[in-house]
Amino acid sequence: MMKYTEIELKKTKGIMEHEEKKVKPRNAGLYELPENTHISSAKKNKEMFSNQRLSGIPELDLSISARIKNISVEDAKAHLLAEQQNKKKRQ
């Protein structure tokens, strides 16, 4: 029991004798990930923070006149594009 308590005290103080350290098996390196594959948690947190900020922005309600104007502009664009494609086909 005394030996166990001495070992535990050494572990808590960070003083371990060489023979008490755990030895890794020969193939332990096969299961370790390379350093370039580790994902930085700080980068992940920044991305999550920006996504949270963007999702927190409320959508503005447009008035009916603004909606009708947008629809008419989109129709005009579609009509113009259709005319341009018809001109290309004729040539």
PDB file of N, CA and C in Angstrom:
ATOM      1  N   MET A   1       0.820  -1.188   0.000  1.00  0.00           N
ATOM      2  CA  MET A   1       0.000   0.000   0.000  1.00  0.00           C
ATOM      3  C   MET A   1       0.863   1.250   0.000  1.00  0.00           C
ATOM      4  N   MET A   2       1.950   1.214   0.712  1.00  0.00           N
ATOM      5  CA  MET A   2       2.855   2.369   0.772  1.00  0.00           C
ATOM      6  C   MET A   2       3.455   2.664  -0.607  1.00  0.00           C
ATOM      7  N   LYS A   3       3.787   1.590  -1.341  1.00  0.00           N
ATOM      8  CA  LYS A   3       4.366   1.776  -2.661  1.00  0.00           C
ATOM      9  C   LYS A   3       3.352   2.443  -3.595  1.00  0.00           C
ATOM     10  N   TYR A   4       2.105   2.030  -3.506  1.00  0.00           N
ATOM     11  CA  TYR A   4       1.038   2.602  -4.337  1.00  0.00           C
ATOM     12  C   TYR A   4       0.874   4.090  -4.037  1.00  0.00           C
ATOM     13  N   THR A   5       0.857   4.465  -2.777  1.00  0.00           N
ATOM     14  CA  THR A   5       0.687   5.870  -2.420  1.00  0.00           C
ATOM     15  C   THR A   5       1.883   6.702  -2.872  1.00  0.00           C
ATOM     16  N   GLU A   6       3.087   6.130  -2.784  1.00  0.00           N
ATOM     17  CA  GLU A   6       4.274   6.856  -3.252  1.00  0.00           C
ATOM     18  C   GLU A   6       4.213   7.085  -4.765  1.00  0.00           C
ATOM     19  N   ILE A   7       3.781   6.072  -5.497  1.00  0.00           N
ATOM     20  CA  ILE A   7       3.665   6.195  -6.960  1.00  0.00           C
ATOM     21  C   ILE A   7       2.624   7.257  -7.320  1.00  0.00           C
ATOM     22  N   GLU A   8       1.504   7.238  -6.631  1.00  0.00           N
ATOM     23  CA  GLU A   8       0.448   8.211  -6.921  1.00  0.00           C
ATOM     24  C   GLU A   8       0.895   9.634  -6.571  1.00  0.00           C
ATOM     25  N   LEU A   9       1.627   9.808  -5.497  1.00  0.00           N
ATOM     26  CA  LEU A   9       2.148  11.125  -5.144  1.00  0.00           C
ATOM     27  C   LEU A   9       3.134  11.620  -6.190  1.00  0.00           C
ATOM     28  N   LYS A  10       3.952  10.736  -6.690  1.00  0.00           N
ATOM     29  CA  LYS A  10       4.901  11.113  -7.738  1.00  0.00           C
ATOM     30  C   LYS A  10       4.170  11.503  -9.020  1.00  0.00           C
ATOM     31  N   LYS A  11       3.090  10.788  -9.317  1.00  0.00           N
ATOM     32  CA  LYS A  11       2.316  11.114 -10.523  1.00  0.00           C
ATOM     33  C   LYS A  11       1.697  12.498 -10.406  1.00  0.00           C
ATOM     34  N   THR A  12       1.152  12.817  -9.237  1.00  0.00           N
ATOM     35  CA  THR A  12       0.511  14.116  -9.074  1.00  0.00           C
ATOM     36  C   THR A  12       1.517  15.250  -9.095  1.00  0.00           C
ATOM     37  N   LYS A  13       2.722  14.991  -8.624  1.00  0.00           N
ATOM     38  CA  LYS A  13       3.763  16.004  -8.651  1.00  0.00           C
ATOM     39  C   LYS A  13       4.464  16.056 -10.000  1.00  0.00           C
ATOM     40  N   GLY A  14       4.227  15.073 -10.845  1.00  0.00           N
ATOM     41  CA  GLY A  14       4.852  15.056 -12.161  1.00  0.00           C
ATOM     42  C   GLY A  14       6.226  14.433 -12.163  1.00  0.00           C
ATOM     43  N   ILE A  15       6.591  13.787 -11.079  1.00  0.00           N
ATOM     44  CA  ILE A  15       7.906  13.154 -10.989  1.00  0.00           C
ATOM     45  C   ILE A  15       7.700  11.656 -11.123  1.00  0.00           C
ATOM     46  N   MET A  16       8.018  11.140 -12.296  1.00  0.00           N
ATOM     47  CA  MET A  16       7.884   9.697 -12.512  1.00  0.00           C
ATOM     48  C   MET A  16       9.258   9.144 -12.871  1.00  0.00           C
ATOM     49  N   GLU A  17       9.549   8.041 -12.317  1.00  0.00           N
ATOM     50  CA  GLU A  17      10.808   7.405 -12.651  1.00  0.00           C
ATOM     51  C   GLU A  17      10.714   6.796 -14.037  1.00  0.00           C
ATOM     52  N   HIS A  18      11.824   6.611 -14.670  1.00  0.00           N
ATOM     53  CA  HIS A  18      11.874   6.136 -16.052  1.00  0.00           C
ATOM     54  C   HIS A  18      11.200   4.780 -16.208  1.00  0.00           C
ATOM     55  N   GLU A  19      11.379   3.899 -15.273  1.00  0.00           N
ATOM     56  CA  GLU A  19      10.820   2.551 -15.396  1.00  0.00           C
ATOM     57  C   GLU A  19       9.315   2.522 -15.146  1.00  0.00           C
ATOM     58  N   GLU A  20       8.766   3.538 -14.508  1.00  0.00           N
ATOM     59  CA  GLU A  20       7.342   3.565 -14.223  1.00  0.00           C
ATOM     60  C   GLU A  20       6.516   4.094 -15.392  1.00  0.00           C
ATOM     61  N   LYS A  21       7.179   4.742 -16.337  1.00  0.00           N
ATOM     62  CA  LYS A  21       6.463   5.292 -17.479  1.00  0.00           C
ATOM     63  C   LYS A  21       5.921   4.166 -18.340  1.00  0.00           C
ATOM     64  N   LYS A  22       4.774   4.425 -18.925  1.00  0.00           N
ATOM     65  CA  LYS A  22       4.162   3.424 -19.792  1.00  0.00           C
ATOM     66  C   LYS A  22       4.911   3.378 -21.118  1.00  0.00           C
ATOM     67  N   VAL A  23       5.136   2.186 -21.600  1.00  0.00           N
ATOM     68  CA  VAL A  23       5.834   1.996 -22.863  1.00  0.00           C
ATOM     69  C   VAL A  23       4.783   1.755 -23.939  1.00  0.00           C
ATOM     70  N   LYS A  24       4.897   2.487 -25.043  1.00  0.00           N
ATOM     71  CA  LYS A  24       3.957   2.326 -26.142  1.00  0.00           C
ATOM     72  C   LYS A  24       4.328   1.092 -26.946  1.00  0.00           C
ATOM     73  N   PRO A  25       3.330   0.381 -27.443  1.00  0.00           N
ATOM     74  CA  PRO A  25       3.630  -0.755 -28.304  1.00  0.00           C
ATOM     75  C   PRO A  25       4.256  -0.282 -29.616  1.00  0.00           C
ATOM     76  N   ARG A  26       4.874  -1.203 -30.327  1.00  0.00           N
ATOM     77  CA  ARG A  26       5.590  -0.853 -31.556  1.00  0.00           C
ATOM     78  C   ARG A  26       4.655  -0.279 -32.616  1.00  0.00           C
ATOM     79  N   ASN A  27       3.426  -0.772 -32.681  1.00  0.00           N
ATOM     80  CA  ASN A  27       2.517  -0.323 -33.728  1.00  0.00           C
ATOM     81  C   ASN A  27       1.582   0.800 -33.268  1.00  0.00           C
ATOM     82  N   ALA A  28       1.893   1.468 -32.175  1.00  0.00           N
ATOM     83  CA  ALA A  28       1.037   2.547 -31.670  1.00  0.00           C
ATOM     84  C   ALA A  28       1.020   3.729 -32.637  1.00  0.00           C
ATOM     85  N   GLY A  29       2.095   3.919 -33.379  1.00  0.00           N
ATOM     86  CA  GLY A  29       2.160   5.011 -34.345  1.00  0.00           C
ATOM     87  C   GLY A  29       1.176   4.853 -35.490  1.00  0.00           C
ATOM     88  N   LEU A  30       0.742   3.635 -35.732  1.00  0.00           N
ATOM     89  CA  LEU A  30      -0.207   3.397 -36.823  1.00  0.00           C
ATOM     90  C   LEU A  30      -1.574   3.999 -36.525  1.00  0.00           C
ATOM     91  N   TYR A  31      -1.893   4.145 -35.257  1.00  0.00           N
ATOM     92  CA  TYR A  31      -3.210   4.627 -34.878  1.00  0.00           C
ATOM     93  C   TYR A  31      -3.239   6.120 -34.565  1.00  0.00           C
ATOM     94  N   GLU A  32      -2.120   6.792 -34.697  1.00  0.00           N
ATOM     95  CA  GLU A  32      -2.067   8.220 -34.432  1.00  0.00           C
ATOM     96  C   GLU A  32      -2.304   8.996 -35.726  1.00  0.00           C
ATOM     97  N   LEU A  33      -2.990  10.115 -35.605  1.00  0.00           N
ATOM     98  CA  LEU A  33      -3.255  10.960 -36.767  1.00  0.00           C
ATOM     99  C   LEU A  33      -2.087  11.904 -37.007  1.00  0.00           C
ATOM    100  N   PRO A  34      -1.796  12.186 -38.264  1.00  0.00           N
ATOM    101  CA  PRO A  34      -0.757  13.179 -38.551  1.00  0.00           C
ATOM    102  C   PRO A  34      -1.189  14.569 -38.086  1.00  0.00           C
ATOM    103  N   GLU A  35      -0.226  15.439 -37.863  1.00  0.00           N
ATOM    104  CA  GLU A  35      -0.513  16.768 -37.336  1.00  0.00           C
ATOM    105  C   GLU A  35      -1.345  17.608 -38.302  1.00  0.00           C
ATOM    106  N   ASN A  36      -1.178  17.403 -39.610  1.00  0.00           N
ATOM    107  CA  ASN A  36      -1.904  18.233 -40.573  1.00  0.00           C
ATOM    108  C   ASN A  36      -3.381  17.871 -40.673  1.00  0.00           C
ATOM    109  N   THR A  37      -3.808  16.761 -40.062  1.00  0.00           N
ATOM    110  CA  THR A  37      -5.214  16.384 -40.121  1.00  0.00           C
ATOM    111  C   THR A  37      -6.003  16.837 -38.899  1.00  0.00           C
ATOM    112  N   HIS A  38      -5.319  17.385 -37.910  1.00  0.00           N
ATOM    113  CA  HIS A  38      -6.016  17.874 -36.717  1.00  0.00           C
ATOM    114  C   HIS A  38      -6.765  19.149 -37.065  1.00  0.00           C
ATOM    115  N   ILE A  39      -7.991  19.253 -36.596  1.00  0.00           N
ATOM    116  CA  ILE A  39      -8.820  20.424 -36.850  1.00  0.00           C
ATOM    117  C   ILE A  39      -8.682  21.379 -35.675  1.00  0.00           C
ATOM    118  N   SER A  40      -8.413  22.604 -35.997  1.00  0.00           N
ATOM    119  CA  SER A  40      -8.259  23.612 -34.958  1.00  0.00           C
ATOM    120  C   SER A  40      -9.622  23.952 -34.373  1.00  0.00           C
ATOM    121  N   SER A  41      -9.739  23.842 -33.077  1.00  0.00           N
ATOM    122  CA  SER A  41     -11.019  24.148 -32.433  1.00  0.00           C
ATOM    123  C   SER A  41     -11.296  25.645 -32.461  1.00  0.00           C
ATOM    124  N   ALA A  42     -10.246  26.469 -32.482  1.00  0.00           N
ATOM    125  CA  ALA A  42     -10.455  27.917 -32.537  1.00  0.00           C
ATOM    126  C   ALA A  42     -11.087  28.305 -33.865  1.00  0.00           C
ATOM    127  N   LYS A  43     -10.618  27.697 -34.952  1.00  0.00           N
ATOM    128  CA  LYS A  43     -11.174  28.000 -36.267  1.00  0.00           C
ATOM    129  C   LYS A  43     -12.628  27.543 -36.332  1.00  0.00           C
ATOM    130  N   LYS A  44     -12.903  26.377 -35.774  1.00  0.00           N
ATOM    131  CA  LYS A  44     -14.261  25.863 -35.771  1.00  0.00           C
ATOM    132  C   LYS A  44     -15.177  26.778 -34.970  1.00  0.00           C
ATOM    133  N   ASN A  45     -14.698  27.278 -33.846  1.00  0.00           N
ATOM    134  CA  ASN A  45     -15.495  28.175 -33.013  1.00  0.00           C
ATOM    135  C   ASN A  45     -15.787  29.485 -33.739  1.00  0.00           C
ATOM    136  N   LYS A  46     -14.799  29.998 -34.501  1.00  0.00           N
ATOM    137  CA  LYS A  46     -15.013  31.240 -35.237  1.00  0.00           C
ATOM    138  C   LYS A  46     -16.075  31.039 -36.315  1.00  0.00           C
ATOM    139  N   GLU A  47     -16.019  29.887 -37.009  1.00  0.00           N
ATOM    140  CA  GLU A  47     -17.010  29.611 -38.047  1.00  0.00           C
ATOM    141  C   GLU A  47     -18.399  29.484 -37.438  1.00  0.00           C
ATOM    142  N   MET A  48     -18.495  28.809 -36.314  1.00  0.00           N
ATOM    143  CA  MET A  48     -19.786  28.650 -35.661  1.00  0.00           C
ATOM    144  C   MET A  48     -20.319  30.003 -35.208  1.00  0.00           C
ATOM    145  N   PHE A  49     -19.436  30.864 -34.702  1.00  0.00           N
ATOM    146  CA  PHE A  49     -19.857  32.178 -34.231  1.00  0.00           C
ATOM    147  C   PHE A  49     -20.405  33.009 -35.378  1.00  0.00           C
ATOM    148  N   SER A  50     -19.728  32.988 -36.539  1.00  0.00           N
ATOM    149  CA  SER A  50     -20.199  33.777 -37.675  1.00  0.00           C
ATOM    150  C   SER A  50     -21.522  33.227 -38.188  1.00  0.00           C
ATOM    151  N   ASN A  51     -21.688  31.912 -38.210  1.00  0.00           N
ATOM    152  CA  ASN A  51     -22.960  31.331 -38.635  1.00  0.00           C
ATOM    153  C   ASN A  51     -24.077  31.688 -37.669  1.00  0.00           C
ATOM    154  N   GLN A  52     -23.779  31.704 -36.397  1.00  0.00           N
ATOM    155  CA  GLN A  52     -24.788  32.064 -35.405  1.00  0.00           C
ATOM    156  C   GLN A  52     -25.199  33.522 -35.552  1.00  0.00           C
ATOM    157  N   ARG A  53     -24.216  34.377 -35.847  1.00  0.00           N
ATOM    158  CA  ARG A  53     -24.543  35.793 -36.043  1.00  0.00           C
ATOM    159  C   ARG A  53     -25.431  35.975 -37.265  1.00  0.00           C
ATOM    160  N   LEU A  54     -25.107  35.270 -38.353  1.00  0.00           N
ATOM    161  CA  LEU A  54     -25.899  35.418 -39.569  1.00  0.00           C
ATOM    162  C   LEU A  54     -27.307  34.864 -39.401  1.00  0.00           C
ATOM    163  N   SER A  55     -27.429  33.773 -38.687  1.00  0.00           N
ATOM    164  CA  SER A  55     -28.762  33.201 -38.500  1.00  0.00           C
ATOM    165  C   SER A  55     -29.595  34.038 -37.540  1.00  0.00           C
ATOM    166  N   GLY A  56     -28.964  34.874 -36.755  1.00  0.00           N
ATOM    167  CA  GLY A  56     -29.686  35.711 -35.825  1.00  0.00           C
ATOM    168  C   GLY A  56     -30.230  36.991 -36.436  1.00  0.00           C
ATOM    169  N   ILE A  57     -29.848  37.271 -37.695  1.00  0.00           N
ATOM    170  CA  ILE A  57     -30.330  38.488 -38.350  1.00  0.00           C
ATOM    171  C   ILE A  57     -31.746  38.231 -38.857  1.00  0.00           C
ATOM    172  N   PRO A  58     -32.705  39.009 -38.428  1.00  0.00           N
ATOM    173  CA  PRO A  58     -34.085  38.778 -38.876  1.00  0.00           C
ATOM    174  C   PRO A  58     -34.266  39.217 -40.328  1.00  0.00           C
ATOM    175  N   GLU A  59     -35.175  38.564 -40.994  1.00  0.00           N
ATOM    176  CA  GLU A  59     -35.477  38.896 -42.374  1.00  0.00           C
ATOM    177  C   GLU A  59     -36.467  40.066 -42.385  1.00  0.00           C
ATOM    178  N   LEU A  60     -36.233  41.025 -43.266  1.00  0.00           N
ATOM    179  CA  LEU A  60     -37.107  42.188 -43.347  1.00  0.00           C
ATOM    180  C   LEU A  60     -38.294  41.885 -44.243  1.00  0.00           C
ATOM    181  N   ASP A  61     -39.457  42.303 -43.820  1.00  0.00           N
ATOM    182  CA  ASP A  61     -40.645  42.134 -44.640  1.00  0.00           C
ATOM    183  C   ASP A  61     -40.709  43.270 -45.650  1.00  0.00           C
ATOM    184  N   LEU A  62     -40.836  42.905 -46.917  1.00  0.00           N
ATOM    185  CA  LEU A  62     -40.956  43.906 -47.963  1.00  0.00           C
ATOM    186  C   LEU A  62     -42.413  44.283 -48.146  1.00  0.00           C
ATOM    187  N   SER A  63     -42.618  45.500 -48.553  1.00  0.00           N
ATOM    188  CA  SER A  63     -43.988  45.928 -48.814  1.00  0.00           C
ATOM    189  C   SER A  63     -44.473  45.283 -50.117  1.00  0.00           C
ATOM    190  N   ILE A  64     -45.757  45.320 -50.343  1.00  0.00           N
ATOM    191  CA  ILE A  64     -46.342  44.707 -51.543  1.00  0.00           C
ATOM    192  C   ILE A  64     -45.838  45.415 -52.790  1.00  0.00           C
ATOM    193  N   SER A  65     -45.694  46.731 -52.728  1.00  0.00           N
ATOM    194  CA  SER A  65     -45.212  47.468 -53.901  1.00  0.00           C
ATOM    195  C   SER A  65     -43.782  47.066 -54.256  1.00  0.00           C
ATOM    196  N   ALA A  66     -42.937  46.831 -53.253  1.00  0.00           N
ATOM    197  CA  ALA A  66     -41.562  46.394 -53.507  1.00  0.00           C
ATOM    198  C   ALA A  66     -41.559  44.993 -54.112  1.00  0.00           C
ATOM    199  N   ARG A  67     -42.428  44.127 -53.648  1.00  0.00           N
ATOM    200  CA  ARG A  67     -42.517  42.774 -54.196  1.00  0.00           C
ATOM    201  C   ARG A  67     -42.963  42.802 -55.652  1.00  0.00           C
ATOM    202  N   ILE A  68     -43.964  43.624 -55.951  1.00  0.00           N
ATOM    203  CA  ILE A  68     -44.463  43.719 -57.324  1.00  0.00           C
ATOM    204  C   ILE A  68     -43.374  44.282 -58.235  1.00  0.00           C
ATOM    205  N   LYS A  69     -42.629  45.262 -57.745  1.00  0.00           N
ATOM    206  CA  LYS A  69     -41.536  45.842 -58.534  1.00  0.00           C
ATOM    207  C   LYS A  69     -40.470  44.784 -58.826  1.00  0.00           C
ATOM    208  N   ASN A  70     -40.119  43.985 -57.825  1.00  0.00           N
ATOM    209  CA  ASN A  70     -39.133  42.917 -58.029  1.00  0.00           C
ATOM    210  C   ASN A  70     -39.614  41.907 -59.062  1.00  0.00           C
ATOM    211  N   ILE A  71     -40.879  41.568 -59.008  1.00  0.00           N
ATOM    212  CA  ILE A  71     -41.435  40.602 -59.965  1.00  0.00           C
ATOM    213  C   ILE A  71     -41.383  41.174 -61.375  1.00  0.00           C
ATOM    214  N   SER A  72     -41.738  42.448 -61.522  1.00  0.00           N
ATOM    215  CA  SER A  72     -41.722  43.043 -62.861  1.00  0.00           C
ATOM    216  C   SER A  72     -40.305  43.167 -63.396  1.00  0.00           C
ATOM    217  N   VAL A  73     -39.351  43.471 -62.546  1.00  0.00           N
ATOM    218  CA  VAL A  73     -37.950  43.545 -62.969  1.00  0.00           C
ATOM    219  C   VAL A  73     -37.458  42.168 -63.407  1.00  0.00           C
ATOM    220  N   GLU A  74     -37.787  41.140 -62.672  1.00  0.00           N
ATOM    221  CA  GLU A  74     -37.362  39.784 -63.023  1.00  0.00           C
ATOM    222  C   GLU A  74     -38.010  39.343 -64.339  1.00  0.00           C
ATOM    223  N   ASP A  75     -39.276  39.691 -64.549  1.00  0.00           N
ATOM    224  CA  ASP A  75     -39.937  39.365 -65.810  1.00  0.00           C
ATOM    225  C   ASP A  75     -39.262  40.070 -66.974  1.00  0.00           C
ATOM    226  N   ALA A  76     -38.888  41.339 -66.783  1.00  0.00           N
ATOM    227  CA  ALA A  76     -38.210  42.088 -67.834  1.00  0.00           C
ATOM    228  C   ALA A  76     -36.861  41.459 -68.149  1.00  0.00           C
ATOM    229  N   LYS A  77     -36.129  41.025 -67.130  1.00  0.00           N
ATOM    230  CA  LYS A  77     -34.838  40.364 -67.343  1.00  0.00           C
ATOM    231  C   LYS A  77     -35.018  39.073 -68.132  1.00  0.00           C
ATOM    232  N   ALA A  78     -36.007  38.282 -67.755  1.00  0.00           N
ATOM    233  CA  ALA A  78     -36.258  37.015 -68.440  1.00  0.00           C
ATOM    234  C   ALA A  78     -36.626  37.272 -69.896  1.00  0.00           C
ATOM    235  N   HIS A  79     -37.442  38.295 -70.162  1.00  0.00           N
ATOM    236  CA  HIS A  79     -37.852  38.635 -71.531  1.00  0.00           C
ATOM    237  C   HIS A  79     -36.640  39.082 -72.349  1.00  0.00           C
ATOM    238  N   LEU A  80     -35.766  39.901 -71.773  1.00  0.00           N
ATOM    239  CA  LEU A  80     -34.570  40.378 -72.449  1.00  0.00           C
ATOM    240  C   LEU A  80     -33.632  39.220 -72.781  1.00  0.00           C
ATOM    241  N   LEU A  81     -33.438  38.323 -71.850  1.00  0.00           N
ATOM    242  CA  LEU A  81     -32.578  37.163 -72.098  1.00  0.00           C
ATOM    243  C   LEU A  81     -33.154  36.270 -73.189  1.00  0.00           C
ATOM    244  N   ALA A  82     -34.455  36.086 -73.185  1.00  0.00           N
ATOM    245  CA  ALA A  82     -35.094  35.269 -74.214  1.00  0.00           C
ATOM    246  C   ALA A  82     -34.903  35.907 -75.587  1.00  0.00           C
ATOM    247  N   GLU A  83     -35.016  37.216 -75.680  1.00  0.00           N
ATOM    248  CA  GLU A  83     -34.801  37.906 -76.960  1.00  0.00           C
ATOM    249  C   GLU A  83     -33.366  37.754 -77.436  1.00  0.00           C
ATOM    250  N   GLN A  84     -32.402  37.862 -76.512  1.00  0.00           N
ATOM    251  CA  GLN A  84     -30.994  37.722 -76.881  1.00  0.00           C
ATOM    252  C   GLN A  84     -30.703  36.306 -77.374  1.00  0.00           C
ATOM    253  N   GLN A  85     -31.287  35.311 -76.749  1.00  0.00           N
ATOM    254  CA  GLN A  85     -31.072  33.936 -77.183  1.00  0.00           C
ATOM    255  C   GLN A  85     -31.705  33.696 -78.547  1.00  0.00           C
ATOM    256  N   ASN A  86     -32.875  34.284 -78.802  1.00  0.00           N
ATOM    257  CA  ASN A  86     -33.514  34.144 -80.104  1.00  0.00           C
ATOM    258  C   ASN A  86     -32.682  34.795 -81.212  1.00  0.00           C
ATOM    259  N   LYS A  87     -32.045  35.953 -80.918  1.00  0.00           N
ATOM    260  CA  LYS A  87     -31.185  36.611 -81.903  1.00  0.00           C
ATOM    261  C   LYS A  87     -29.984  35.747 -82.230  1.00  0.00           C
ATOM    262  N   LYS A  88     -29.393  35.088 -81.219  1.00  0.00           N
ATOM    263  CA  LYS A  88     -28.234  34.214 -81.440  1.00  0.00           C
ATOM    264  C   LYS A  88     -28.623  33.017 -82.286  1.00  0.00           C
ATOM    265  N   LYS A  89     -29.819  32.488 -82.070  1.00  0.00           N
ATOM    266  CA  LYS A  89     -30.275  31.318 -82.828  1.00  0.00           C
ATOM    267  C   LYS A  89     -30.521  31.685 -84.294  1.00  0.00           C
ATOM    268  N   ARG A  90     -30.997  32.894 -84.553  1.00  0.00           N
ATOM    269  CA  ARG A  90     -31.290  33.329 -85.919  1.00  0.00           C
ATOM    270  C   ARG A  90     -30.008  33.545 -86.711  1.00  0.00           C
ATOM    271  N   GLN A  91     -28.957  33.941 -86.044  1.00  0.00           N
ATOM    272  CA  GLN A  91     -27.706  34.220 -86.751  1.00  0.00           C
ATOM    273  C   GLN A  91     -26.961  32.963 -86.982  1.00  0.00           C
TER     274      GLN A  91
END
